[in-house]
């Protein structure tokens, strides 16, 4: 590349925004040149804005400390100085939809961490190793928005990354029924134990809206493009329970699955071991070398030990065995704020840049 692409982070002061700042520090393709947030943070340096609420174990990167935070609602001002943006704002869904479309209409690509546009018919919701072909819908979206360069692409819910990749590798065996229970870290709610002391020594068996997302979003990811929209798949039938557990990072899933064509255990393990997606083919900077790692040990994967696998961008599985009600059961794990949130969005941006959808303005 002749120069790094200039990146704006809209919603850059929250936990996911902080992850974007951390991940983009020294990125080979991207450089943070703008950070935007609410009007209460606007006008301060980034360091002043987040110093008392920096949630990560790593320090604030030096190259962003003195960036003056802009008002995210001043779309033209923010968009002028960047080639594309990541969006991770905490607003009402309708407000997020309007804000992201406003940025896209300036000709600025938007990679969204938010859920607002996940079901907009011509906006791709992407796990880069799973459904990279869905980015082809961007041409239709651009026509609707009236822009030749702007668009919106979104990242799916963080919980599904713990089991969708493992099932995707087995799609040609035609899974029919899936039961998944997810055990989700508190960072998925944007909190740590200082913010949320009630979570210590506690489990909460409910996360608002999470089960519907976990059951329906995989079907959109496995869907197909027709008539300028993404039509969700009709199978498998998925039911979930989503539980908040006292863990800092990492979403673990227990999964039961039946198939139209039951594979052998050896076939499943071979598919997981050998699965590669478009990011691995393109050797993208954030792509894990080994997308799915299987542990033979009975007590793995463990959240604390294994969430950082492949810099937090790999997913892992274990305890694969036949089941008395379903064909198989297994355990999956993914890092929710890396693979599931900011890191997954960075990988989407790398894919879009490599495929020519994001270019210098």
Protein backbone atom coordinates (compact mmCIF):
# COMPACT_ATOMS: atom_id res chain seq x y z
CA UNK A 1 0.00 0.00 0.00
CA UNK A 2 1.22 3.50 -0.80
CA UNK A 3 -0.22 4.78 2.46
CA UNK A 4 -2.34 3.48 5.28
CA UNK A 5 -6.08 4.01 5.03
CA UNK A 6 -7.39 6.69 7.39
CA UNK A 7 -9.87 5.31 9.91
CA UNK A 8 -12.47 6.99 12.09
CA UNK A 9 -13.91 5.30 15.19
CA UNK A 10 -17.43 6.53 15.91
CA UNK A 11 -18.22 5.59 19.48
CA UNK A 12 -14.53 5.41 20.26
CA UNK A 13 -14.75 6.05 24.02
CA UNK A 14 -16.80 2.96 24.98
CA UNK A 15 -15.42 -0.52 25.66
CA UNK A 16 -15.68 -1.74 22.06
CA UNK A 17 -14.36 1.57 20.78
CA UNK A 18 -11.37 1.17 23.08
CA UNK A 19 -10.79 -2.30 21.62
CA UNK A 20 -10.75 -0.76 18.14
CA UNK A 21 -8.14 1.75 19.29
CA UNK A 22 -6.02 -1.05 20.76
CA UNK A 23 -6.31 -3.35 17.73
CA UNK A 24 -5.56 -0.62 15.19
CA UNK A 25 -2.39 0.49 16.97
CA UNK A 26 0.44 -0.40 14.54
CA UNK A 27 -2.00 -2.01 12.09
CA UNK A 28 -0.20 -2.55 8.74
CA UNK A 29 -3.09 -1.24 6.60
CA UNK A 30 -5.10 1.14 8.79
CA UNK A 31 -4.36 4.22 10.88
CA UNK A 32 -6.74 5.92 13.33
CA UNK A 33 -7.00 9.59 12.37
CA UNK A 34 -10.39 10.49 13.88
CA UNK A 35 -12.36 9.50 16.96
CA UNK A 36 -15.93 10.63 17.53
CA UNK A 37 -18.29 10.21 20.45
CA UNK A 38 -21.12 12.02 22.22
CA UNK A 39 -21.16 15.80 22.51
CA UNK A 40 -20.07 15.49 26.17
CA UNK A 41 -16.72 14.05 25.05
CA UNK A 42 -16.27 16.29 22.00
CA UNK A 43 -13.46 18.83 22.24
CA UNK A 44 -11.39 16.82 24.72
CA UNK A 45 -8.29 14.85 23.83
CA UNK A 46 -8.91 11.12 23.63
CA UNK A 47 -6.72 10.61 26.70
CA UNK A 48 -8.76 13.12 28.70
CA UNK A 49 -12.00 11.54 27.54
CA UNK A 50 -11.20 7.93 28.50
CA UNK A 51 -8.42 8.09 31.12
CA UNK A 52 -10.72 7.52 34.10
CA UNK A 53 -12.72 4.80 32.31
CA UNK A 54 -10.14 2.96 30.22
CA UNK A 55 -11.22 -0.69 30.58
CA UNK A 56 -8.36 -2.59 28.91
CA UNK A 57 -5.25 -4.03 30.54
CA UNK A 58 -3.00 -2.47 27.89
CA UNK A 59 -2.28 1.29 28.09
CA UNK A 60 -3.86 3.86 25.80
CA UNK A 61 -1.77 3.87 22.59
CA UNK A 62 0.45 6.94 22.36
CA UNK A 63 -0.55 7.82 18.80
CA UNK A 64 -4.21 8.46 19.73
CA UNK A 65 -3.84 10.18 23.08
CA UNK A 66 -3.83 13.69 21.63
CA UNK A 67 -6.52 13.17 18.98
CA UNK A 68 -9.33 15.63 19.66
CA UNK A 69 -12.62 13.78 20.02
CA UNK A 70 -15.24 14.97 17.55
CA UNK A 71 -19.01 15.07 17.88
CA UNK A 72 -20.30 11.90 16.21
CA UNK A 73 -23.48 13.68 15.11
CA UNK A 74 -21.46 16.09 12.93
CA UNK A 75 -21.26 13.54 10.16
CA UNK A 76 -19.72 15.62 7.39
CA UNK A 77 -16.93 16.92 9.64
CA UNK A 78 -15.94 13.43 10.79
CA UNK A 79 -16.28 11.84 7.35
CA UNK A 80 -14.12 14.45 5.64
CA UNK A 81 -10.93 13.27 7.35
CA UNK A 82 -11.26 9.50 6.94
CA UNK A 83 -11.43 6.78 4.28
CA UNK A 84 -13.86 4.66 6.31
CA UNK A 85 -15.26 4.31 9.82
CA UNK A 86 -15.92 1.72 12.47
CA UNK A 87 -19.14 2.39 14.38
CA UNK A 88 -19.73 1.23 17.95
CA UNK A 89 -22.15 3.73 19.44
CA UNK A 90 -24.53 3.36 22.37
CA UNK A 91 -27.77 4.87 21.07
CA UNK A 92 -31.35 3.87 20.29
CA UNK A 93 -31.63 1.49 17.32
CA UNK A 94 -33.45 3.98 15.05
CA UNK A 95 -30.85 6.64 15.83
CA UNK A 96 -28.03 4.24 14.98
CA UNK A 97 -29.68 3.31 11.68
CA UNK A 98 -30.01 6.96 10.71
CA UNK A 99 -26.46 7.83 11.80
CA UNK A 100 -24.84 4.96 9.90
CA UNK A 101 -26.81 5.71 6.74
CA UNK A 102 -25.82 9.37 7.01
CA UNK A 103 -22.15 8.40 7.09
CA UNK A 104 -22.58 5.97 4.18
CA UNK A 105 -24.29 8.66 2.09
CA UNK A 106 -21.19 10.85 2.41
CA UNK A 107 -19.38 8.14 0.42
CA UNK A 108 -17.80 6.68 3.56
CA UNK A 109 -17.82 2.90 4.15
CA UNK A 110 -19.21 1.99 7.58
CA UNK A 111 -18.19 -1.20 9.39
CA UNK A 112 -20.69 -1.50 12.21
CA UNK A 113 -20.42 -3.29 15.52
CA UNK A 114 -24.05 -2.42 16.25
CA UNK A 115 -27.13 -4.61 15.79
CA UNK A 116 -29.35 -1.91 14.23
CA UNK A 117 -28.75 -2.87 10.57
CA UNK A 118 -28.30 -6.64 10.94
CA UNK A 119 -31.66 -7.30 9.29
CA UNK A 120 -31.67 -4.51 6.71
CA UNK A 121 -32.21 -6.56 3.52
CA UNK A 122 -29.30 -5.20 1.48
CA UNK A 123 -26.74 -4.84 4.27
CA UNK A 124 -24.35 -7.80 4.67
CA UNK A 125 -23.85 -9.30 8.13
CA UNK A 126 -20.52 -11.04 7.86
CA UNK A 127 -18.27 -13.59 9.52
CA UNK A 128 -15.42 -13.35 6.98
CA UNK A 129 -14.55 -17.06 7.02
CA UNK A 130 -18.20 -18.09 6.73
CA UNK A 131 -20.11 -15.86 4.31
CA UNK A 132 -17.69 -13.52 2.50
CA UNK A 133 -19.84 -13.72 -0.64
CA UNK A 134 -22.55 -11.65 1.03
CA UNK A 135 -20.49 -8.51 0.45
CA UNK A 136 -21.65 -8.67 -3.17
CA UNK A 137 -24.97 -7.18 -1.99
CA UNK A 138 -23.11 -3.88 -1.46
CA UNK A 139 -23.65 -2.92 -5.11
CA UNK A 140 -27.43 -2.97 -4.61
CA UNK A 141 -27.14 -1.13 -1.30
CA UNK A 142 -25.05 1.62 -2.85
CA UNK A 143 -27.68 2.12 -5.53
CA UNK A 144 -30.38 2.48 -2.86
CA UNK A 145 -28.31 4.93 -0.83
CA UNK A 146 -27.29 6.95 -3.88
CA UNK A 147 -23.55 6.60 -3.42
CA UNK A 148 -20.79 5.04 -5.48
CA UNK A 149 -18.37 4.48 -2.59
CA UNK A 150 -20.28 4.47 0.71
CA UNK A 151 -22.00 1.45 2.26
CA UNK A 152 -22.70 -0.32 5.56
CA UNK A 153 -21.50 -3.79 6.56
CA UNK A 154 -22.22 -5.25 9.98
CA UNK A 155 -20.76 -7.80 12.35
CA UNK A 156 -23.12 -10.41 13.83
CA UNK A 157 -23.83 -11.02 17.49
CA UNK A 158 -20.79 -12.03 19.50
CA UNK A 159 -22.40 -15.13 21.04
CA UNK A 160 -22.91 -16.98 17.74
CA UNK A 161 -19.20 -16.99 16.90
CA UNK A 162 -18.69 -19.66 19.57
CA UNK A 163 -20.69 -22.26 17.63
CA UNK A 164 -21.54 -21.08 14.08
CA UNK A 165 -18.01 -21.64 12.67
CA UNK A 166 -17.95 -25.24 13.94
CA UNK A 167 -21.39 -25.92 12.43
CA UNK A 168 -20.54 -24.10 9.20
CA UNK A 169 -17.65 -26.46 8.56
CA UNK A 170 -20.23 -29.28 8.64
CA UNK A 171 -22.92 -27.69 6.48
CA UNK A 172 -22.69 -30.25 3.69
CA UNK A 173 -23.86 -32.89 6.22
CA UNK A 174 -27.04 -30.74 6.48
CA UNK A 175 -27.58 -30.00 10.18
CA UNK A 176 -31.30 -30.18 10.98
CA UNK A 177 -31.68 -29.38 14.68
CA UNK A 178 -29.34 -27.47 16.98
CA UNK A 179 -29.57 -26.72 20.70
CA UNK A 180 -26.99 -24.24 22.01
CA UNK A 181 -26.52 -22.78 25.48
CA UNK A 182 -24.07 -19.90 25.71
CA UNK A 183 -22.20 -18.87 28.84
CA UNK A 184 -21.33 -15.25 28.19
CA UNK A 185 -18.71 -12.95 29.71
CA UNK A 186 -19.59 -9.65 31.36
CA UNK A 187 -17.57 -7.65 28.80
CA UNK A 188 -20.36 -8.56 26.40
CA UNK A 189 -22.44 -6.07 28.38
CA UNK A 190 -19.63 -3.50 28.17
CA UNK A 191 -18.69 -4.01 31.81
CA UNK A 192 -15.95 -5.31 34.07
CA UNK A 193 -16.16 -6.46 37.68
CA UNK A 194 -15.51 -2.93 38.98
CA UNK A 195 -18.58 -1.71 37.10
CA UNK A 196 -20.67 -4.76 37.94
CA UNK A 197 -19.78 -6.16 41.40
CA UNK A 198 -23.16 -7.94 41.49
CA UNK A 199 -21.77 -10.45 38.98
CA UNK A 200 -19.16 -11.76 41.40
CA UNK A 201 -20.14 -15.25 42.60
CA UNK A 202 -23.29 -15.03 40.46
CA UNK A 203 -24.94 -16.35 37.31
CA UNK A 204 -27.83 -14.56 35.60
CA UNK A 205 -29.93 -16.87 33.39
CA UNK A 206 -31.15 -14.12 31.07
CA UNK A 207 -29.61 -11.66 28.61
CA UNK A 208 -32.19 -9.41 26.98
CA UNK A 209 -32.72 -10.09 23.27
CA UNK A 210 -29.77 -12.47 23.08
CA UNK A 211 -31.62 -15.72 22.50
CA UNK A 212 -33.57 -14.41 19.51
CA UNK A 213 -30.33 -13.12 17.97
CA UNK A 214 -28.55 -16.40 18.64
CA UNK A 215 -31.32 -18.41 16.98
CA UNK A 216 -31.98 -16.19 13.96
CA UNK A 217 -28.69 -14.54 12.97
CA UNK A 218 -27.00 -17.82 11.92
CA UNK A 219 -29.82 -18.34 9.40
CA UNK A 220 -29.14 -14.95 7.83
CA UNK A 221 -25.42 -15.72 7.66
CA UNK A 222 -26.24 -19.02 5.93
CA UNK A 223 -28.74 -17.28 3.63
CA UNK A 224 -28.44 -16.35 -0.04
CA UNK A 225 -28.67 -13.23 -2.18
CA UNK A 226 -31.75 -12.91 -4.37
CA UNK A 227 -33.53 -9.86 -5.84
CA UNK A 228 -31.12 -7.40 -4.18
CA UNK A 229 -31.62 -8.75 -0.68
CA UNK A 230 -30.30 -11.46 1.60
CA UNK A 231 -32.84 -14.23 2.13
CA UNK A 232 -32.24 -16.18 5.33
CA UNK A 233 -31.83 -19.94 5.29
CA UNK A 234 -34.73 -22.11 6.45
CA UNK A 235 -32.62 -24.62 8.35
CA UNK A 236 -31.31 -25.82 10.71
CA UNK A 237 -33.86 -25.22 13.46
CA UNK A 238 -31.92 -23.58 16.30
CA UNK A 239 -32.98 -23.06 19.91
CA UNK A 240 -30.76 -21.38 22.51
CA UNK A 241 -30.40 -20.28 26.09
CA UNK A 242 -28.03 -17.40 26.87
CA UNK A 243 -26.59 -17.06 30.35
CA UNK A 244 -24.37 -14.38 31.90
CA UNK A 245 -21.49 -15.83 33.93
CA UNK A 246 -18.79 -14.22 36.11
CA UNK A 247 -16.05 -14.21 33.47
CA UNK A 248 -14.22 -11.17 32.10
CA UNK A 249 -13.95 -12.20 28.43
CA UNK A 250 -14.94 -15.22 26.35
CA UNK A 251 -18.26 -16.77 25.36
CA UNK A 252 -18.50 -20.53 25.74
CA UNK A 253 -21.26 -22.65 24.14
CA UNK A 254 -22.50 -26.16 24.71
CA UNK A 255 -23.97 -27.48 21.45
CA UNK A 256 -26.15 -30.43 20.48
CA UNK A 257 -26.70 -31.11 16.76
CA UNK A 258 -28.41 -33.61 14.48
CA UNK A 259 -27.75 -34.01 10.76
CA UNK A 260 -29.61 -35.22 7.70
CA UNK A 261 -26.44 -37.11 6.75
CA UNK A 262 -24.73 -38.07 10.00
CA UNK A 263 -20.95 -37.66 9.72
CA UNK A 264 -18.43 -39.79 11.55
CA UNK A 265 -16.45 -38.29 14.39
CA UNK A 266 -13.33 -38.49 12.22
CA UNK A 267 -15.07 -36.58 9.43
CA UNK A 268 -16.08 -33.81 11.82
CA UNK A 269 -12.59 -33.46 13.25
CA UNK A 270 -11.08 -33.41 9.77
CA UNK A 271 -13.45 -30.65 8.64
CA UNK A 272 -12.62 -28.55 11.68
CA UNK A 273 -8.88 -29.05 11.38
CA UNK A 274 -8.73 -28.29 7.67
CA UNK A 275 -11.31 -25.52 7.38
CA UNK A 276 -9.99 -22.34 5.76
CA UNK A 277 -11.97 -19.32 4.67
CA UNK A 278 -11.37 -16.31 2.47
CA UNK A 279 -9.31 -14.48 5.15
CA UNK A 280 -6.85 -17.38 5.27
CA UNK A 281 -6.66 -17.53 1.46
CA UNK A 282 -5.93 -13.80 1.35
CA UNK A 283 -3.59 -13.94 4.37
CA UNK A 284 -5.34 -10.95 5.93
CA UNK A 285 -3.43 -9.29 8.81
CA UNK A 286 -5.96 -10.17 11.52
CA UNK A 287 -6.88 -13.61 10.20
CA UNK A 288 -6.07 -16.60 12.42
CA UNK A 289 -3.82 -19.12 10.74
CA UNK A 290 -5.89 -21.94 12.28
CA UNK A 291 -9.54 -20.85 12.30
CA UNK A 292 -10.93 -23.77 14.37
CA UNK A 293 -8.74 -25.49 16.95
CA UNK A 294 -9.90 -28.75 18.51
CA UNK A 295 -8.77 -29.86 21.97
CA UNK A 296 -8.65 -33.56 22.75
CA UNK A 297 -8.46 -32.98 26.51
CA UNK A 298 -11.76 -33.58 28.32
CA UNK A 299 -11.53 -30.28 30.20
CA UNK A 300 -10.85 -27.97 27.23
CA UNK A 301 -11.50 -25.45 25.83
CA UNK A 302 -11.51 -23.37 29.00
CA UNK A 303 -12.48 -19.73 28.86
CA UNK A 304 -9.49 -18.39 30.77
CA UNK A 305 -6.92 -20.65 29.11
CA UNK A 306 -8.13 -20.64 25.52
CA UNK A 307 -9.98 -17.40 24.69
CA UNK A 308 -6.74 -15.77 23.45
CA UNK A 309 -6.03 -18.49 20.88
CA UNK A 310 -4.70 -16.99 17.62
CA UNK A 311 -4.60 -13.53 19.28
CA UNK A 312 -8.25 -13.93 20.22
CA UNK A 313 -9.27 -14.34 16.58
CA UNK A 314 -9.45 -18.12 16.45
CA UNK A 315 -12.33 -20.22 17.75
CA UNK A 316 -11.95 -23.50 19.57
CA UNK A 317 -13.94 -26.66 20.17
CA UNK A 318 -13.76 -29.71 22.38
CA UNK A 319 -15.62 -32.63 23.95
CA UNK A 320 -17.03 -33.90 20.66
CA UNK A 321 -19.00 -37.08 21.30
CA UNK A 322 -22.13 -38.89 20.21
CA UNK A 323 -25.32 -38.08 22.10
CA UNK A 324 -28.34 -40.13 23.15
CA UNK A 325 -30.90 -37.61 21.81
CA UNK A 326 -28.95 -35.81 19.08
CA UNK A 327 -26.24 -37.07 16.75
CA UNK A 328 -23.39 -35.20 18.46
CA UNK A 329 -22.58 -32.73 21.20
CA UNK A 330 -19.55 -30.48 21.65
CA UNK A 331 -18.28 -27.34 23.35
CA UNK A 332 -17.25 -24.16 21.52
CA UNK A 333 -15.43 -21.01 22.62
CA UNK A 334 -14.68 -17.59 21.15
CA UNK A 335 -13.31 -14.31 22.48
CA UNK A 336 -16.31 -12.01 22.51
CA UNK A 337 -14.60 -8.61 22.28
CA UNK A 338 -11.90 -9.74 19.83
CA UNK A 339 -13.33 -12.29 17.36
CA UNK A 340 -16.86 -11.39 18.43
CA UNK A 341 -16.71 -7.61 18.38
CA UNK A 342 -13.89 -5.22 17.44
CA UNK A 343 -11.51 -7.82 16.03
CA UNK A 344 -14.22 -9.36 13.90
CA UNK A 345 -15.07 -5.91 12.52
CA UNK A 346 -11.41 -5.19 11.74
CA UNK A 347 -11.24 -8.50 9.85
CA UNK A 348 -14.36 -7.50 7.87
CA UNK A 349 -12.66 -4.21 6.95
CA UNK A 350 -9.54 -6.07 5.84
CA UNK A 351 -11.66 -8.36 3.67
CA UNK A 352 -13.48 -5.39 2.13
CA UNK A 353 -10.22 -3.59 1.46
CA UNK A 354 -8.67 -6.68 -0.11
CA UNK A 355 -11.73 -7.19 -2.32
CA UNK A 356 -11.70 -3.56 -3.47
CA UNK A 357 -14.71 -2.22 -1.59
CA UNK A 358 -12.71 0.15 0.65
CA UNK A 359 -10.28 2.48 -1.09
CA UNK A 360 -8.60 5.81 -0.36
CA UNK A 361 -10.91 8.76 -0.89
